[in-house]
């Protein structure tokens, strides 16, 4: 799932170096704060897109009632 992949990427980036230079080539990762904010944003988008909002309204009729 995408959620597991994002979480794994954040963990890898948190434990790895922020900036790497190899053979004249350099790469820099987004800050950890930016990654956490992106993860929260994507999680909220998935939650809003969900059809199950956690609240179900049902009309209950007791047995034998009119």
PDB file of N, CA and C in Angstrom:
ATOM      1  N   UNK A   1       0.836  -1.179   0.000  1.00  0.00           N
ATOM      2  CA  UNK A   1       0.000   0.000   0.000  1.00  0.00           C
ATOM      3  C   UNK A   1       0.881   1.241   0.000  1.00  0.00           C
ATOM      4  N   UNK A   2       0.291   2.324  -0.429  1.00  0.00           N
ATOM      5  CA  UNK A   2       1.030   3.581  -0.494  1.00  0.00           C
ATOM      6  C   UNK A   2       1.372   4.097   0.894  1.00  0.00           C
ATOM      7  N   UNK A   3       0.471   3.864   1.857  1.00  0.00           N
ATOM      8  CA  UNK A   3       0.701   4.344   3.215  1.00  0.00           C
ATOM      9  C   UNK A   3       1.938   3.694   3.823  1.00  0.00           C
ATOM     10  N   UNK A   4       2.099   2.380   3.624  1.00  0.00           N
ATOM     11  CA  UNK A   4       3.264   1.682   4.150  1.00  0.00           C
ATOM     12  C   UNK A   4       4.539   2.162   3.477  1.00  0.00           C
ATOM     13  N   UNK A   5       4.474   2.422   2.186  1.00  0.00           N
ATOM     14  CA  UNK A   5       5.640   2.885   1.446  1.00  0.00           C
ATOM     15  C   UNK A   5       6.086   4.255   1.943  1.00  0.00           C
ATOM     16  N   UNK A   6       5.154   5.155   2.153  1.00  0.00           N
ATOM     17  CA  UNK A   6       5.491   6.495   2.635  1.00  0.00           C
ATOM     18  C   UNK A   6       6.107   6.417   4.027  1.00  0.00           C
ATOM     19  N   UNK A   7       5.517   5.603   4.891  1.00  0.00           N
ATOM     20  CA  UNK A   7       6.042   5.457   6.246  1.00  0.00           C
ATOM     21  C   UNK A   7       7.463   4.894   6.219  1.00  0.00           C
ATOM     22  N   UNK A   8       7.693   3.899   5.368  1.00  0.00           N
ATOM     23  CA  UNK A   8       9.031   3.323   5.257  1.00  0.00           C
ATOM     24  C   UNK A   8      10.030   4.343   4.727  1.00  0.00           C
ATOM     25  N   UNK A   9       9.621   5.143   3.753  1.00  0.00           N
ATOM     26  CA  UNK A   9      10.513   6.167   3.206  1.00  0.00           C
ATOM     27  C   UNK A   9      10.873   7.205   4.261  1.00  0.00           C
ATOM     28  N   UNK A  10       9.908   7.610   5.069  1.00  0.00           N
ATOM     29  CA  UNK A  10      10.183   8.584   6.131  1.00  0.00           C
ATOM     30  C   UNK A  10      11.166   7.995   7.138  1.00  0.00           C
ATOM     31  N   UNK A  11      10.981   6.721   7.499  1.00  0.00           N
ATOM     32  CA  UNK A  11      11.902   6.071   8.434  1.00  0.00           C
ATOM     33  C   UNK A  11      13.305   5.983   7.843  1.00  0.00           C
ATOM     34  N   UNK A  12      13.409   5.620   6.566  1.00  0.00           N
ATOM     35  CA  UNK A  12      14.722   5.533   5.916  1.00  0.00           C
ATOM     36  C   UNK A  12      15.407   6.887   5.861  1.00  0.00           C
ATOM     37  N   UNK A  13      14.641   7.924   5.508  1.00  0.00           N
ATOM     38  CA  UNK A  13      15.230   9.258   5.424  1.00  0.00           C
ATOM     39  C   UNK A  13      15.615   9.796   6.797  1.00  0.00           C
ATOM     40  N   UNK A  14      14.858   9.416   7.830  1.00  0.00           N
ATOM     41  CA  UNK A  14      15.175   9.891   9.178  1.00  0.00           C
ATOM     42  C   UNK A  14      16.472   9.254   9.699  1.00  0.00           C
ATOM     43  N   UNK A  15      16.731   8.018   9.326  1.00  0.00           N
ATOM     44  CA  UNK A  15      17.937   7.340   9.811  1.00  0.00           C
ATOM     45  C   UNK A  15      19.135   7.588   8.915  1.00  0.00           C
ATOM     46  N   UNK A  16      18.922   8.035   7.689  1.00  0.00           N
ATOM     47  CA  UNK A  16      20.019   8.283   6.754  1.00  0.00           C
ATOM     48  C   UNK A  16      20.530   9.707   6.837  1.00  0.00           C
ATOM     49  N   UNK A  17      21.575   9.999   6.069  1.00  0.00           N
ATOM     50  CA  UNK A  17      22.123  11.366   6.059  1.00  0.00           C
ATOM     51  C   UNK A  17      21.211  12.326   5.298  1.00  0.00           C
ATOM     52  N   UNK A  18      21.297  13.608   5.658  1.00  0.00           N
ATOM     53  CA  UNK A  18      20.469  14.613   4.990  1.00  0.00           C
ATOM     54  C   UNK A  18      21.036  14.957   3.615  1.00  0.00           C
ATOM     55  N   UNK A  19      22.352  15.051   3.524  1.00  0.00           N
ATOM     56  CA  UNK A  19      22.990  15.435   2.268  1.00  0.00           C
ATOM     57  C   UNK A  19      24.134  14.476   1.985  1.00  0.00           C
ATOM     58  N   UNK A  20      24.241  14.051   0.725  1.00  0.00           N
ATOM     59  CA  UNK A  20      25.272  13.096   0.332  1.00  0.00           C
ATOM     60  C   UNK A  20      25.982  13.633  -0.903  1.00  0.00           C
ATOM     61  N   UNK A  21      27.320  13.505  -0.905  1.00  0.00           N
ATOM     62  CA  UNK A  21      28.103  13.875  -2.074  1.00  0.00           C
ATOM     63  C   UNK A  21      28.988  12.698  -2.448  1.00  0.00           C
ATOM     64  N   UNK A  22      28.820  12.221  -3.690  1.00  0.00           N
ATOM     65  CA  UNK A  22      29.617  11.091  -4.175  1.00  0.00           C
ATOM     66  C   UNK A  22      30.118  11.439  -5.576  1.00  0.00           C
ATOM     67  N   UNK A  23      31.421  11.476  -5.734  1.00  0.00           N
ATOM     68  CA  UNK A  23      32.015  11.715  -7.049  1.00  0.00           C
ATOM     69  C   UNK A  23      31.574  13.008  -7.697  1.00  0.00           C
ATOM     70  N   UNK A  24      31.425  14.045  -6.943  1.00  0.00           N
ATOM     71  CA  UNK A  24      31.021  15.334  -7.485  1.00  0.00           C
ATOM     72  C   UNK A  24      29.514  15.497  -7.622  1.00  0.00           C
ATOM     73  N   UNK A  25      28.783  14.440  -7.452  1.00  0.00           N
ATOM     74  CA  UNK A  25      27.315  14.490  -7.494  1.00  0.00           C
ATOM     75  C   UNK A  25      26.796  14.624  -6.064  1.00  0.00           C
ATOM     76  N   UNK A  26      25.806  15.473  -5.859  1.00  0.00           N
ATOM     77  CA  UNK A  26      25.264  15.618  -4.511  1.00  0.00           C
ATOM     78  C   UNK A  26      23.751  15.458  -4.550  1.00  0.00           C
ATOM     79  N   UNK A  27      23.228  14.950  -3.444  1.00  0.00           N
ATOM     80  CA  UNK A  27      21.782  14.778  -3.303  1.00  0.00           C
ATOM     81  C   UNK A  27      21.402  15.202  -1.896  1.00  0.00           C
ATOM     82  N   UNK A  28      20.242  15.839  -1.781  1.00  0.00           N
ATOM     83  CA  UNK A  28      19.772  16.292  -0.484  1.00  0.00           C
ATOM     84  C   UNK A  28      18.311  15.894  -0.323  1.00  0.00           C
ATOM     85  N   UNK A  29      17.954  15.396   0.866  1.00  0.00           N
ATOM     86  CA  UNK A  29      16.585  14.959   1.142  1.00  0.00           C
ATOM     87  C   UNK A  29      15.771  16.134   1.679  1.00  0.00           C
ATOM     88  N   UNK A  30      14.442  16.016   1.550  1.00  0.00           N
ATOM     89  CA  UNK A  30      13.560  17.005   2.163  1.00  0.00           C
ATOM     90  C   UNK A  30      13.726  16.915   3.674  1.00  0.00           C
ATOM     91  N   UNK A  31      13.441  18.004   4.359  1.00  0.00           N
ATOM     92  CA  UNK A  31      13.576  17.989   5.811  1.00  0.00           C
ATOM     93  C   UNK A  31      12.554  17.021   6.400  1.00  0.00           C
ATOM     94  N   UNK A  32      12.869  16.491   7.557  1.00  0.00           N
ATOM     95  CA  UNK A  32      11.995  15.528   8.221  1.00  0.00           C
ATOM     96  C   UNK A  32      10.641  16.162   8.542  1.00  0.00           C
ATOM     97  N   UNK A  33      10.626  17.423   8.930  1.00  0.00           N
ATOM     98  CA  UNK A  33       9.381  18.121   9.223  1.00  0.00           C
ATOM     99  C   UNK A  33       8.489  18.189   7.978  1.00  0.00           C
ATOM    100  N   UNK A  34       9.097  18.485   6.811  1.00  0.00           N
ATOM    101  CA  UNK A  34       8.329  18.517   5.566  1.00  0.00           C
ATOM    102  C   UNK A  34       7.762  17.148   5.223  1.00  0.00           C
ATOM    103  N   UNK A  35       8.516  16.098   5.469  1.00  0.00           N
ATOM    104  CA  UNK A  35       8.055  14.741   5.181  1.00  0.00           C
ATOM    105  C   UNK A  35       6.895  14.351   6.091  1.00  0.00           C
ATOM    106  N   UNK A  36       6.983  14.722   7.365  1.00  0.00           N
ATOM    107  CA  UNK A  36       5.909  14.401   8.313  1.00  0.00           C
ATOM    108  C   UNK A  36       4.644  15.169   7.932  1.00  0.00           C
ATOM    109  N   UNK A  37       4.777  16.431   7.569  1.00  0.00           N
ATOM    110  CA  UNK A  37       3.618  17.225   7.154  1.00  0.00           C
ATOM    111  C   UNK A  37       2.979  16.639   5.895  1.00  0.00           C
ATOM    112  N   UNK A  38       3.804  16.187   4.948  1.00  0.00           N
ATOM    113  CA  UNK A  38       3.277  15.567   3.731  1.00  0.00           C
ATOM    114  C   UNK A  38       2.540  14.275   4.061  1.00  0.00           C
ATOM    115  N   UNK A  39       3.077  13.489   4.987  1.00  0.00           N
ATOM    116  CA  UNK A  39       2.425  12.247   5.395  1.00  0.00           C
ATOM    117  C   UNK A  39       1.077  12.536   6.057  1.00  0.00           C
ATOM    118  N   UNK A  40       1.015  13.545   6.916  1.00  0.00           N
ATOM    119  CA  UNK A  40      -0.248  13.922   7.561  1.00  0.00           C
ATOM    120  C   UNK A  40      -1.264  14.407   6.527  1.00  0.00           C
ATOM    121  N   UNK A  41      -0.800  15.192   5.561  1.00  0.00           N
ATOM    122  CA  UNK A  41      -1.688  15.697   4.521  1.00  0.00           C
ATOM    123  C   UNK A  41      -2.274  14.555   3.697  1.00  0.00           C
ATOM    124  N   UNK A  42      -1.424  13.617   3.293  1.00  0.00           N
ATOM    125  CA  UNK A  42      -1.903  12.490   2.492  1.00  0.00           C
ATOM    126  C   UNK A  42      -2.838  11.596   3.297  1.00  0.00           C
ATOM    127  N   UNK A  43      -2.556  11.422   4.593  1.00  0.00           N
ATOM    128  CA  UNK A  43      -3.442  10.621   5.439  1.00  0.00           C
ATOM    129  C   UNK A  43      -4.809  11.293   5.578  1.00  0.00           C
ATOM    130  N   UNK A  44      -4.832  12.603   5.689  1.00  0.00           N
ATOM    131  CA  UNK A  44      -6.116  13.300   5.805  1.00  0.00           C
ATOM    132  C   UNK A  44      -6.895  13.228   4.500  1.00  0.00           C
ATOM    133  N   UNK A  45      -6.197  13.276   3.357  1.00  0.00           N
ATOM    134  CA  UNK A  45      -6.882  13.127   2.074  1.00  0.00           C
ATOM    135  C   UNK A  45      -7.500  11.741   1.951  1.00  0.00           C
ATOM    136  N   UNK A  46      -6.773  10.697   2.384  1.00  0.00           N
ATOM    137  CA  UNK A  46      -7.308   9.340   2.325  1.00  0.00           C
ATOM    138  C   UNK A  46      -8.496   9.197   3.262  1.00  0.00           C
ATOM    139  N   UNK A  47      -8.443   9.814   4.423  1.00  0.00           N
ATOM    140  CA  UNK A  47      -9.545   9.720   5.380  1.00  0.00           C
ATOM    141  C   UNK A  47     -10.789  10.427   4.844  1.00  0.00           C
ATOM    142  N   UNK A  48     -10.621  11.559   4.193  1.00  0.00           N
ATOM    143  CA  UNK A  48     -11.759  12.289   3.640  1.00  0.00           C
ATOM    144  C   UNK A  48     -12.365  11.575   2.444  1.00  0.00           C
ATOM    145  N   UNK A  49     -11.569  10.840   1.711  1.00  0.00           N
ATOM    146  CA  UNK A  49     -12.062  10.118   0.542  1.00  0.00           C
ATOM    147  C   UNK A  49     -12.769   8.829   0.933  1.00  0.00           C
ATOM    148  N   UNK A  50     -12.604   8.399   2.163  1.00  0.00           N
ATOM    149  CA  UNK A  50     -13.215   7.165   2.631  1.00  0.00           C
ATOM    150  C   UNK A  50     -14.731   7.304   2.665  1.00  0.00           C
ATOM    151  N   UNK A  51     -15.429   6.234   2.270  1.00  0.00           N
ATOM    152  CA  UNK A  51     -16.892   6.265   2.314  1.00  0.00           C
ATOM    153  C   UNK A  51     -17.400   6.008   3.723  1.00  0.00           C
ATOM    154  N   UNK A  52     -16.615   5.362   4.550  1.00  0.00           N
ATOM    155  CA  UNK A  52     -17.004   5.087   5.929  1.00  0.00           C
ATOM    156  C   UNK A  52     -16.475   6.215   6.810  1.00  0.00           C
ATOM    157  N   UNK A  53     -17.332   7.071   7.245  1.00  0.00           N
ATOM    158  CA  UNK A  53     -16.920   8.219   8.048  1.00  0.00           C
ATOM    159  C   UNK A  53     -16.948   7.922   9.542  1.00  0.00           C
ATOM    160  N   UNK A  54     -17.311   6.697   9.924  1.00  0.00           N
ATOM    161  CA  UNK A  54     -17.298   6.341  11.328  1.00  0.00           C
ATOM    162  C   UNK A  54     -18.611   6.595  12.033  1.00  0.00           C
ATOM    163  N   UNK A  55     -19.617   7.071  11.320  1.00  0.00           N
ATOM    164  CA  UNK A  55     -20.901   7.355  11.930  1.00  0.00           C
ATOM    165  C   UNK A  55     -21.992   6.801  11.018  1.00  0.00           C
ATOM    166  N   UNK A  56     -22.750   5.871  11.530  1.00  0.00           N
ATOM    167  CA  UNK A  56     -23.846   5.280  10.773  1.00  0.00           C
ATOM    168  C   UNK A  56     -25.156   5.606  11.470  1.00  0.00           C
ATOM    169  N   UNK A  57     -26.070   6.171  10.725  1.00  0.00           N
ATOM    170  CA  UNK A  57     -27.395   6.491  11.270  1.00  0.00           C
ATOM    171  C   UNK A  57     -28.371   5.431  10.793  1.00  0.00           C
ATOM    172  N   UNK A  58     -29.034   4.805  11.713  1.00  0.00           N
ATOM    173  CA  UNK A  58     -30.002   3.763  11.403  1.00  0.00           C
ATOM    174  C   UNK A  58     -31.312   4.035  12.128  1.00  0.00           C
ATOM    175  N   UNK A  59     -32.391   3.682  11.517  1.00  0.00           N
ATOM    176  CA  UNK A  59     -33.696   3.777  12.179  1.00  0.00           C
ATOM    177  C   UNK A  59     -33.953   2.436  12.826  1.00  0.00           C
ATOM    178  N   UNK A  60     -34.146   2.446  14.122  1.00  0.00           N
ATOM    179  CA  UNK A  60     -34.330   1.214  14.878  1.00  0.00           C
ATOM    180  C   UNK A  60     -35.811   1.097  15.254  1.00  0.00           C
ATOM    181  N   UNK A  61     -36.370  -0.056  14.941  1.00  0.00           N
ATOM    182  CA  UNK A  61     -37.770  -0.334  15.305  1.00  0.00           C
ATOM    183  C   UNK A  61     -37.764  -1.507  16.269  1.00  0.00           C
ATOM    184  N   UNK A  62     -38.257  -1.308  17.489  1.00  0.00           N
ATOM    185  CA  UNK A  62     -38.265  -2.413  18.454  1.00  0.00           C
ATOM    186  C   UNK A  62     -39.250  -3.501  17.995  1.00  0.00           C
ATOM    187  N   UNK A  63     -38.948  -4.741  18.319  1.00  0.00           N
ATOM    188  CA  UNK A  63     -39.842  -5.808  17.898  1.00  0.00           C
ATOM    189  C   UNK A  63     -41.199  -5.691  18.610  1.00  0.00           C
ATOM    190  N   UNK A  64     -42.269  -5.876  17.872  1.00  0.00           N
ATOM    191  CA  UNK A  64     -43.604  -5.788  18.425  1.00  0.00           C
ATOM    192  C   UNK A  64     -44.128  -4.366  18.523  1.00  0.00           C
ATOM    193  N   UNK A  65     -43.343  -3.401  18.130  1.00  0.00           N
ATOM    194  CA  UNK A  65     -43.784  -2.011  18.173  1.00  0.00           C
ATOM    195  C   UNK A  65     -44.555  -1.643  16.921  1.00  0.00           C
ATOM    196  N   UNK A  66     -45.284  -0.582  16.989  1.00  0.00           N
ATOM    197  CA  UNK A  66     -46.078  -0.143  15.837  1.00  0.00           C
ATOM    198  C   UNK A  66     -45.338   0.937  15.103  1.00  0.00           C
TER     199      UNK A  66
END
